[in-house]
N, C-alpha and C. Protein backbone atom coordinates (compact mmCIF):
# COMPACT_ATOMS: atom_id res chain seq x y z
N MET A 1 -3.52 18.65 -67.32
CA MET A 1 -2.42 19.47 -67.79
C MET A 1 -1.97 20.35 -66.63
N ALA A 2 -0.71 20.61 -66.58
CA ALA A 2 -0.13 21.41 -65.51
C ALA A 2 0.46 22.69 -66.07
N TYR A 3 0.65 23.64 -65.20
CA TYR A 3 1.26 24.90 -65.57
C TYR A 3 2.69 24.66 -66.05
N VAL A 4 3.05 25.28 -67.17
CA VAL A 4 4.41 25.19 -67.70
C VAL A 4 4.91 26.62 -67.89
N PRO A 5 6.00 26.98 -67.23
CA PRO A 5 6.50 28.36 -67.36
C PRO A 5 6.99 28.64 -68.78
N LEU A 6 6.92 29.90 -69.16
CA LEU A 6 7.39 30.31 -70.48
C LEU A 6 8.92 30.40 -70.47
N ASP A 7 9.51 30.00 -71.58
CA ASP A 7 10.96 30.08 -71.74
C ASP A 7 11.32 31.52 -72.06
N PRO A 8 12.21 32.16 -71.29
CA PRO A 8 12.58 33.56 -71.54
C PRO A 8 13.12 33.77 -72.96
N LEU A 9 13.71 32.75 -73.55
CA LEU A 9 14.24 32.90 -74.90
C LEU A 9 13.12 33.09 -75.93
N ASP A 10 11.92 32.53 -75.61
CA ASP A 10 10.78 32.64 -76.54
C ASP A 10 10.11 34.01 -76.45
N THR A 11 10.42 34.78 -75.43
CA THR A 11 9.74 36.07 -75.23
C THR A 11 10.67 37.27 -75.36
N GLU A 12 11.82 37.08 -75.99
CA GLU A 12 12.76 38.19 -76.17
C GLU A 12 12.14 39.26 -77.08
N ALA A 13 12.40 40.50 -76.77
CA ALA A 13 11.89 41.62 -77.57
C ALA A 13 12.45 41.53 -78.98
N GLY A 14 11.60 41.80 -79.96
CA GLY A 14 12.01 41.82 -81.35
C GLY A 14 12.00 40.46 -82.01
N LYS A 15 11.83 39.39 -81.26
CA LYS A 15 11.79 38.05 -81.82
C LYS A 15 10.37 37.71 -82.26
N PRO A 16 10.18 37.02 -83.37
CA PRO A 16 8.82 36.65 -83.76
C PRO A 16 8.25 35.63 -82.77
N ASN A 17 6.92 35.72 -82.53
CA ASN A 17 6.26 34.79 -81.62
C ASN A 17 5.99 33.48 -82.33
N LYS A 18 6.17 32.38 -81.62
CA LYS A 18 5.91 31.05 -82.15
C LYS A 18 4.50 30.62 -81.76
N GLU A 19 3.91 29.78 -82.58
CA GLU A 19 2.59 29.25 -82.29
C GLU A 19 2.62 28.45 -80.98
N GLU A 20 3.75 27.76 -80.73
CA GLU A 20 3.88 26.97 -79.50
C GLU A 20 3.77 27.85 -78.25
N LEU A 21 4.29 29.09 -78.36
CA LEU A 21 4.22 30.01 -77.24
C LEU A 21 2.76 30.31 -76.89
N TRP A 22 1.94 30.58 -77.89
CA TRP A 22 0.53 30.88 -77.66
C TRP A 22 -0.22 29.64 -77.19
N ASP A 23 0.17 28.48 -77.69
CA ASP A 23 -0.44 27.24 -77.20
C ASP A 23 -0.13 27.04 -75.71
N ARG A 24 1.10 27.35 -75.32
CA ARG A 24 1.48 27.21 -73.91
C ARG A 24 0.70 28.21 -73.05
N VAL A 25 0.55 29.44 -73.53
CA VAL A 25 -0.23 30.44 -72.79
C VAL A 25 -1.68 29.95 -72.63
N LYS A 26 -2.27 29.41 -73.70
CA LYS A 26 -3.64 28.88 -73.62
C LYS A 26 -3.71 27.71 -72.64
N ASP A 27 -2.76 26.77 -72.72
CA ASP A 27 -2.75 25.64 -71.80
C ASP A 27 -2.62 26.10 -70.35
N ASN A 28 -1.78 27.09 -70.11
CA ASN A 28 -1.63 27.62 -68.75
C ASN A 28 -2.93 28.26 -68.27
N GLN A 29 -3.62 28.98 -69.15
CA GLN A 29 -4.91 29.58 -68.77
C GLN A 29 -5.94 28.50 -68.48
N ASP A 30 -5.97 27.45 -69.30
CA ASP A 30 -6.90 26.34 -69.05
C ASP A 30 -6.60 25.68 -67.71
N ASP A 31 -5.33 25.50 -67.39
CA ASP A 31 -4.94 24.93 -66.10
C ASP A 31 -5.41 25.83 -64.96
N PHE A 32 -5.22 27.12 -65.10
CA PHE A 32 -5.66 28.08 -64.09
C PHE A 32 -7.17 27.99 -63.88
N ASN A 33 -7.92 27.96 -64.99
CA ASN A 33 -9.38 27.89 -64.89
C ASN A 33 -9.84 26.61 -64.20
N SER A 34 -9.20 25.49 -64.49
CA SER A 34 -9.60 24.24 -63.84
C SER A 34 -9.30 24.27 -62.34
N ARG A 35 -8.21 24.92 -61.97
CA ARG A 35 -7.90 25.04 -60.54
C ARG A 35 -8.92 25.92 -59.82
N ILE A 36 -9.35 26.98 -60.47
CA ILE A 36 -10.38 27.85 -59.88
C ILE A 36 -11.68 27.06 -59.71
N ASN A 37 -12.06 26.27 -60.71
CA ASN A 37 -13.26 25.44 -60.60
C ASN A 37 -13.14 24.45 -59.45
N GLY A 38 -11.94 23.92 -59.23
CA GLY A 38 -11.71 23.02 -58.11
C GLY A 38 -11.91 23.70 -56.77
N VAL A 39 -11.49 24.94 -56.67
CA VAL A 39 -11.66 25.70 -55.44
C VAL A 39 -13.14 25.92 -55.17
N GLU A 40 -13.94 26.14 -56.20
CA GLU A 40 -15.37 26.33 -56.02
C GLU A 40 -16.00 25.10 -55.39
N GLN A 41 -15.53 23.92 -55.71
CA GLN A 41 -16.08 22.69 -55.17
C GLN A 41 -15.84 22.55 -53.67
N VAL A 42 -14.76 23.12 -53.15
CA VAL A 42 -14.49 23.02 -51.73
C VAL A 42 -15.13 24.17 -50.95
N SER A 43 -15.95 24.97 -51.62
CA SER A 43 -16.62 26.06 -50.92
C SER A 43 -17.85 25.56 -50.18
N LYS A 44 -18.16 24.27 -50.30
CA LYS A 44 -19.27 23.70 -49.55
C LYS A 44 -18.78 23.34 -48.15
N THR A 45 -19.65 23.51 -47.17
CA THR A 45 -19.25 23.29 -45.79
C THR A 45 -20.36 22.60 -45.01
N ASP A 46 -19.98 21.75 -44.05
CA ASP A 46 -20.95 21.17 -43.13
C ASP A 46 -21.30 22.22 -42.10
N ILE A 47 -22.58 22.42 -41.88
CA ILE A 47 -23.02 23.33 -40.83
C ILE A 47 -23.38 22.49 -39.61
N PHE A 48 -24.29 21.54 -39.80
CA PHE A 48 -24.60 20.57 -38.77
C PHE A 48 -24.43 19.19 -39.39
N ASP A 49 -23.84 18.28 -38.66
CA ASP A 49 -23.72 16.90 -39.09
C ASP A 49 -23.59 16.07 -37.82
N PHE A 50 -24.74 15.64 -37.30
CA PHE A 50 -24.72 14.93 -36.02
C PHE A 50 -25.82 13.90 -35.99
N LYS A 51 -25.66 12.93 -35.09
CA LYS A 51 -26.74 11.97 -34.86
C LYS A 51 -27.07 11.95 -33.39
N THR A 52 -28.31 11.63 -33.10
CA THR A 52 -28.71 11.47 -31.72
C THR A 52 -28.28 10.09 -31.26
N VAL A 53 -28.06 9.91 -29.99
CA VAL A 53 -27.65 8.61 -29.47
C VAL A 53 -28.51 8.26 -28.27
N GLY A 54 -28.48 7.00 -27.90
CA GLY A 54 -29.26 6.56 -26.75
C GLY A 54 -30.70 6.31 -27.13
N ASN A 55 -31.53 6.14 -26.12
CA ASN A 55 -32.95 5.88 -26.33
C ASN A 55 -33.68 7.22 -26.39
N VAL A 56 -33.74 7.78 -27.58
CA VAL A 56 -34.34 9.11 -27.78
C VAL A 56 -35.79 9.13 -27.32
N GLY A 57 -36.49 8.02 -27.49
CA GLY A 57 -37.91 7.95 -27.15
C GLY A 57 -38.20 8.19 -25.68
N GLN A 58 -37.21 8.12 -24.81
CA GLN A 58 -37.44 8.36 -23.39
C GLN A 58 -37.50 9.84 -23.05
N TYR A 59 -37.21 10.72 -24.02
CA TYR A 59 -37.14 12.15 -23.75
C TYR A 59 -38.29 12.89 -24.41
N ILE A 60 -38.74 13.97 -23.80
CA ILE A 60 -39.73 14.82 -24.42
C ILE A 60 -39.01 15.83 -25.32
N GLU A 61 -39.78 16.48 -26.21
CA GLU A 61 -39.18 17.41 -27.18
C GLU A 61 -38.28 18.46 -26.54
N SER A 62 -38.73 19.06 -25.45
CA SER A 62 -37.93 20.12 -24.83
C SER A 62 -36.59 19.59 -24.33
N GLU A 63 -36.57 18.34 -23.85
CA GLU A 63 -35.31 17.75 -23.40
C GLU A 63 -34.38 17.48 -24.58
N ILE A 64 -34.95 16.99 -25.68
CA ILE A 64 -34.14 16.75 -26.87
C ILE A 64 -33.62 18.08 -27.41
N ASN A 65 -34.47 19.10 -27.45
CA ASN A 65 -34.05 20.42 -27.96
C ASN A 65 -32.92 21.01 -27.14
N SER A 66 -32.92 20.74 -25.83
CA SER A 66 -31.84 21.28 -24.99
C SER A 66 -30.49 20.64 -25.34
N LEU A 67 -30.52 19.50 -26.00
CA LEU A 67 -29.29 18.81 -26.39
C LEU A 67 -28.87 19.12 -27.83
N MET A 68 -29.71 19.82 -28.57
CA MET A 68 -29.40 20.14 -29.97
C MET A 68 -28.26 21.16 -30.02
N PRO A 69 -27.35 20.99 -30.97
CA PRO A 69 -26.19 21.89 -31.05
C PRO A 69 -26.56 23.27 -31.61
N THR A 70 -25.72 24.23 -31.28
CA THR A 70 -25.80 25.57 -31.86
C THR A 70 -24.51 25.79 -32.64
N TYR A 71 -24.64 26.40 -33.80
CA TYR A 71 -23.51 26.61 -34.70
C TYR A 71 -23.23 28.10 -34.80
N LYS A 72 -22.01 28.51 -34.53
CA LYS A 72 -21.60 29.91 -34.72
C LYS A 72 -20.84 29.97 -36.03
N ALA A 73 -21.36 30.75 -36.98
CA ALA A 73 -20.81 30.79 -38.32
C ALA A 73 -19.44 31.46 -38.35
N PRO A 74 -18.40 30.73 -38.79
CA PRO A 74 -17.08 31.34 -38.90
C PRO A 74 -16.95 32.22 -40.14
N VAL A 75 -17.85 32.01 -41.11
CA VAL A 75 -17.84 32.77 -42.36
C VAL A 75 -19.29 32.97 -42.80
N SER A 76 -19.50 33.85 -43.75
CA SER A 76 -20.82 34.02 -44.35
C SER A 76 -21.07 32.89 -45.34
N ALA A 77 -22.30 32.39 -45.38
CA ALA A 77 -22.63 31.28 -46.26
C ALA A 77 -24.12 31.26 -46.51
N GLN A 78 -24.53 30.27 -47.31
CA GLN A 78 -25.95 30.08 -47.63
C GLN A 78 -26.26 28.60 -47.45
N ILE A 79 -27.35 28.29 -46.76
CA ILE A 79 -27.75 26.90 -46.55
C ILE A 79 -28.29 26.35 -47.86
N VAL A 80 -27.82 25.16 -48.24
CA VAL A 80 -28.28 24.56 -49.49
C VAL A 80 -28.97 23.22 -49.28
N SER A 81 -28.86 22.64 -48.10
CA SER A 81 -29.44 21.32 -47.89
C SER A 81 -29.71 21.09 -46.41
N PHE A 82 -30.84 20.43 -46.11
CA PHE A 82 -31.22 20.08 -44.75
C PHE A 82 -31.83 18.69 -44.82
N ILE A 83 -31.16 17.69 -44.24
CA ILE A 83 -31.59 16.30 -44.38
C ILE A 83 -31.69 15.64 -43.00
N ILE A 84 -32.79 14.93 -42.77
CA ILE A 84 -32.96 14.11 -41.57
C ILE A 84 -33.05 12.67 -42.03
N THR A 85 -32.30 11.79 -41.39
CA THR A 85 -32.33 10.37 -41.71
C THR A 85 -32.66 9.60 -40.44
N LEU A 86 -33.63 8.69 -40.51
CA LEU A 86 -34.01 7.89 -39.35
C LEU A 86 -33.03 6.73 -39.21
N LEU A 87 -32.42 6.59 -38.04
CA LEU A 87 -31.43 5.54 -37.80
C LEU A 87 -31.99 4.37 -37.00
N SER A 88 -33.06 4.61 -36.25
CA SER A 88 -33.75 3.56 -35.50
C SER A 88 -35.23 3.68 -35.80
N ALA A 89 -35.88 2.55 -35.95
CA ALA A 89 -37.31 2.56 -36.28
C ALA A 89 -38.13 3.20 -35.17
N SER A 90 -39.20 3.86 -35.58
CA SER A 90 -40.18 4.41 -34.64
C SER A 90 -41.53 3.77 -34.95
N PHE A 91 -42.51 3.98 -34.06
CA PHE A 91 -43.79 3.32 -34.26
C PHE A 91 -44.74 4.09 -35.17
N SER A 92 -44.82 5.40 -35.00
CA SER A 92 -45.72 6.20 -35.83
C SER A 92 -45.42 7.67 -35.58
N GLY A 93 -46.09 8.52 -36.34
CA GLY A 93 -45.94 9.95 -36.12
C GLY A 93 -44.95 10.60 -37.08
N THR A 94 -44.66 11.87 -36.82
CA THR A 94 -43.80 12.66 -37.69
C THR A 94 -42.71 13.32 -36.87
N LEU A 95 -41.49 13.20 -37.35
CA LEU A 95 -40.37 13.93 -36.77
C LEU A 95 -40.23 15.22 -37.56
N GLU A 96 -40.30 16.35 -36.86
CA GLU A 96 -40.21 17.65 -37.52
C GLU A 96 -39.06 18.45 -36.90
N ALA A 97 -38.27 19.09 -37.78
CA ALA A 97 -37.16 19.92 -37.29
C ALA A 97 -37.16 21.25 -38.02
N GLU A 98 -36.79 22.28 -37.29
CA GLU A 98 -36.70 23.64 -37.80
C GLU A 98 -35.27 24.10 -37.60
N ILE A 99 -34.86 25.08 -38.39
CA ILE A 99 -33.56 25.70 -38.18
C ILE A 99 -33.82 27.18 -37.90
N ASP A 100 -33.23 27.66 -36.82
CA ASP A 100 -33.41 29.06 -36.39
C ASP A 100 -32.09 29.80 -36.51
N LYS A 101 -32.18 31.11 -36.71
CA LYS A 101 -30.99 31.96 -36.81
C LYS A 101 -31.11 33.11 -35.80
N SER A 102 -29.97 33.43 -35.19
CA SER A 102 -29.90 34.58 -34.29
C SER A 102 -28.76 35.49 -34.76
N THR A 103 -29.08 36.76 -34.88
CA THR A 103 -28.05 37.75 -35.26
C THR A 103 -27.60 38.57 -34.06
N ASP A 104 -28.16 38.25 -32.87
CA ASP A 104 -27.80 39.00 -31.67
C ASP A 104 -27.30 38.08 -30.55
N ASN A 105 -26.50 37.10 -30.94
CA ASN A 105 -25.85 36.18 -30.01
C ASN A 105 -26.82 35.39 -29.15
N GLY A 106 -27.95 34.98 -29.73
CA GLY A 106 -28.88 34.10 -29.05
C GLY A 106 -29.97 34.77 -28.25
N VAL A 107 -30.06 36.09 -28.29
CA VAL A 107 -31.13 36.77 -27.56
C VAL A 107 -32.47 36.52 -28.26
N ASN A 108 -32.50 36.68 -29.57
CA ASN A 108 -33.71 36.45 -30.36
C ASN A 108 -33.40 35.44 -31.46
N TRP A 109 -34.38 34.59 -31.75
CA TRP A 109 -34.23 33.56 -32.78
C TRP A 109 -35.34 33.70 -33.81
N THR A 110 -34.98 33.53 -35.09
CA THR A 110 -35.94 33.62 -36.19
C THR A 110 -35.94 32.31 -36.96
N PRO A 111 -37.12 31.69 -37.15
CA PRO A 111 -37.18 30.47 -37.95
C PRO A 111 -36.84 30.78 -39.42
N LEU A 112 -36.09 29.89 -40.06
CA LEU A 112 -35.70 30.11 -41.45
C LEU A 112 -36.59 29.36 -42.44
N LEU A 113 -37.41 28.44 -41.95
CA LEU A 113 -38.24 27.64 -42.84
C LEU A 113 -39.70 28.07 -42.77
N SER A 114 -40.39 27.98 -43.90
CA SER A 114 -41.83 28.30 -43.89
C SER A 114 -42.62 27.18 -43.23
N SER A 115 -42.06 25.97 -43.23
CA SER A 115 -42.62 24.85 -42.48
C SER A 115 -41.46 23.92 -42.13
N PRO A 116 -41.56 23.22 -41.00
CA PRO A 116 -40.45 22.36 -40.58
C PRO A 116 -40.15 21.27 -41.61
N VAL A 117 -38.91 20.79 -41.60
CA VAL A 117 -38.55 19.62 -42.38
C VAL A 117 -39.19 18.42 -41.70
N GLU A 118 -39.88 17.57 -42.47
CA GLU A 118 -40.63 16.47 -41.88
C GLU A 118 -40.09 15.11 -42.31
N LEU A 119 -40.14 14.18 -41.38
CA LEU A 119 -39.83 12.78 -41.65
C LEU A 119 -41.03 12.00 -41.16
N THR A 120 -41.84 11.49 -42.08
CA THR A 120 -43.09 10.82 -41.70
C THR A 120 -42.96 9.31 -41.66
N SER A 121 -41.99 8.75 -42.36
CA SER A 121 -41.81 7.30 -42.36
C SER A 121 -41.17 6.85 -41.06
N THR A 122 -41.46 5.62 -40.65
CA THR A 122 -40.90 5.09 -39.42
C THR A 122 -39.87 4.00 -39.69
N THR A 123 -39.49 3.82 -40.95
CA THR A 123 -38.54 2.77 -41.35
C THR A 123 -37.11 3.28 -41.28
N VAL A 124 -36.21 2.45 -40.81
CA VAL A 124 -34.79 2.82 -40.75
C VAL A 124 -34.31 3.19 -42.15
N GLY A 125 -33.56 4.26 -42.24
CA GLY A 125 -33.04 4.71 -43.53
C GLY A 125 -33.95 5.70 -44.23
N SER A 126 -35.12 5.98 -43.66
CA SER A 126 -36.02 6.96 -44.26
C SER A 126 -35.37 8.34 -44.22
N VAL A 127 -35.62 9.13 -45.27
CA VAL A 127 -35.01 10.45 -45.39
C VAL A 127 -36.12 11.48 -45.50
N SER A 128 -35.87 12.68 -44.94
CA SER A 128 -36.86 13.76 -44.94
C SER A 128 -37.16 14.24 -46.35
N GLY A 129 -38.24 15.01 -46.44
CA GLY A 129 -38.68 15.56 -47.72
C GLY A 129 -38.05 16.91 -48.02
N ALA A 130 -38.73 17.68 -48.84
CA ALA A 130 -38.22 18.96 -49.34
C ALA A 130 -38.12 20.00 -48.23
N VAL A 131 -37.23 20.95 -48.46
CA VAL A 131 -37.05 22.08 -47.55
C VAL A 131 -37.72 23.29 -48.18
N ASN A 132 -38.57 23.98 -47.43
CA ASN A 132 -39.26 25.18 -47.92
C ASN A 132 -38.83 26.38 -47.09
N TRP A 133 -38.09 27.28 -47.74
CA TRP A 133 -37.57 28.46 -47.04
C TRP A 133 -38.64 29.54 -46.97
N VAL A 134 -38.59 30.35 -45.91
CA VAL A 134 -39.50 31.48 -45.78
C VAL A 134 -39.32 32.39 -47.00
N ASP A 135 -38.08 32.70 -47.33
CA ASP A 135 -37.72 33.41 -48.56
C ASP A 135 -36.26 33.10 -48.84
N VAL A 136 -35.84 33.30 -50.06
CA VAL A 136 -34.48 32.91 -50.44
C VAL A 136 -33.41 33.59 -49.58
N PRO A 137 -33.51 34.90 -49.27
CA PRO A 137 -32.46 35.50 -48.44
C PRO A 137 -32.34 34.86 -47.05
N SER A 138 -33.40 34.22 -46.57
CA SER A 138 -33.32 33.62 -45.24
C SER A 138 -32.36 32.44 -45.20
N GLN A 139 -31.99 31.90 -46.36
CA GLN A 139 -31.03 30.81 -46.40
C GLN A 139 -29.62 31.29 -46.07
N SER A 140 -29.40 32.58 -46.18
CA SER A 140 -28.06 33.14 -45.97
C SER A 140 -27.85 33.50 -44.51
N PHE A 141 -26.61 33.39 -44.09
CA PHE A 141 -26.25 33.84 -42.76
C PHE A 141 -24.87 34.48 -42.84
N ALA A 142 -24.61 35.37 -41.90
CA ALA A 142 -23.36 36.13 -41.89
C ALA A 142 -22.40 35.55 -40.87
N GLN A 143 -21.15 35.91 -41.02
CA GLN A 143 -20.15 35.49 -40.05
C GLN A 143 -20.60 35.91 -38.65
N ASN A 144 -20.48 35.02 -37.69
CA ASN A 144 -20.84 35.19 -36.28
C ASN A 144 -22.33 35.05 -35.99
N ASP A 145 -23.19 34.84 -37.01
CA ASP A 145 -24.59 34.51 -36.72
C ASP A 145 -24.63 33.15 -36.04
N LEU A 146 -25.65 32.92 -35.23
CA LEU A 146 -25.86 31.61 -34.60
C LEU A 146 -26.98 30.88 -35.33
N LEU A 147 -26.82 29.59 -35.50
CA LEU A 147 -27.86 28.73 -36.08
C LEU A 147 -28.10 27.58 -35.10
N ARG A 148 -29.36 27.16 -34.99
CA ARG A 148 -29.66 26.03 -34.12
C ARG A 148 -30.75 25.18 -34.76
N ILE A 149 -30.77 23.92 -34.39
CA ILE A 149 -31.82 22.99 -34.80
C ILE A 149 -32.83 22.94 -33.65
N ARG A 150 -34.10 22.97 -34.01
CA ARG A 150 -35.17 22.89 -33.00
C ARG A 150 -36.20 21.88 -33.48
N LEU A 151 -36.49 20.89 -32.65
CA LEU A 151 -37.53 19.92 -33.00
C LEU A 151 -38.90 20.50 -32.68
N THR A 152 -39.83 20.35 -33.61
CA THR A 152 -41.19 20.83 -33.37
C THR A 152 -42.16 19.67 -33.17
N ALA A 153 -41.74 18.44 -33.48
CA ALA A 153 -42.54 17.25 -33.23
C ALA A 153 -41.63 16.03 -33.28
N THR A 154 -41.98 15.01 -32.50
CA THR A 154 -41.24 13.76 -32.53
C THR A 154 -42.20 12.61 -32.81
N GLN A 155 -41.65 11.50 -33.26
CA GLN A 155 -42.45 10.32 -33.51
C GLN A 155 -42.75 9.60 -32.20
N VAL A 156 -43.72 8.68 -32.23
CA VAL A 156 -44.02 7.87 -31.06
C VAL A 156 -42.82 6.96 -30.83
N ASP A 157 -42.31 6.94 -29.60
CA ASP A 157 -41.11 6.19 -29.26
C ASP A 157 -40.00 6.52 -30.26
N GLN A 158 -39.70 7.81 -30.34
CA GLN A 158 -38.74 8.33 -31.32
C GLN A 158 -37.45 7.53 -31.35
N GLY A 159 -37.08 7.09 -32.55
CA GLY A 159 -35.82 6.40 -32.74
C GLY A 159 -34.68 7.38 -32.95
N GLN A 160 -33.46 6.86 -33.00
CA GLN A 160 -32.31 7.70 -33.25
C GLN A 160 -32.38 8.26 -34.68
N PHE A 161 -31.83 9.45 -34.87
CA PHE A 161 -31.85 10.07 -36.19
C PHE A 161 -30.57 10.86 -36.41
N HIS A 162 -30.33 11.19 -37.66
CA HIS A 162 -29.13 11.93 -38.07
C HIS A 162 -29.59 13.18 -38.79
N ILE A 163 -28.99 14.32 -38.49
CA ILE A 163 -29.32 15.58 -39.18
C ILE A 163 -28.07 16.10 -39.85
N SER A 164 -28.20 16.45 -41.12
CA SER A 164 -27.12 17.06 -41.89
C SER A 164 -27.63 18.35 -42.51
N VAL A 165 -26.91 19.43 -42.28
CA VAL A 165 -27.22 20.71 -42.91
C VAL A 165 -25.94 21.18 -43.58
N TYR A 166 -26.03 21.46 -44.87
CA TYR A 166 -24.86 21.87 -45.64
C TYR A 166 -25.06 23.28 -46.18
N GLY A 167 -23.95 23.97 -46.40
CA GLY A 167 -23.99 25.31 -46.95
C GLY A 167 -22.92 25.53 -47.98
N GLU A 168 -23.03 26.65 -48.68
CA GLU A 168 -22.02 27.09 -49.62
C GLU A 168 -21.54 28.46 -49.19
N LEU A 169 -20.25 28.66 -49.24
CA LEU A 169 -19.69 29.95 -48.84
C LEU A 169 -20.18 31.05 -49.76
N SER A 170 -20.46 32.20 -49.17
CA SER A 170 -20.95 33.34 -49.95
C SER A 170 -19.81 34.05 -50.64
């Protein structure tokens, strides 16, 4: 249903109100409410969405970490999802990733997870497990905070992987 303007003839002073007028007002309010609900759905945002390329297994963790992106928050938001997907098979081991936040432009970094996100399977298409936050407020970040991904462990002959971190606007 779409918004339908009221006819000025139906709202003249001293004229009795018609049931159709109130039905139109209700329909317009329902339309407004559905549009607001639609806006809530677009309040989700990608924070990180990247994949590694090349032969990742040739690099040590510190080299891979130096290539990890840093995100400067354009708005305040809350992290709702952190997913690692293995794109190339590895031989064994665990891929672990942490997300850090800096409120002082990268001078100091604070881990946001009580334990890193882990990917223990070595099969292509494997997805990481649950995310455990240090505390619920740590999921939130303010406009201009910096966020970064940091690997804490890699698999043997680490294959390519994809990291997605999503948030909701505060």
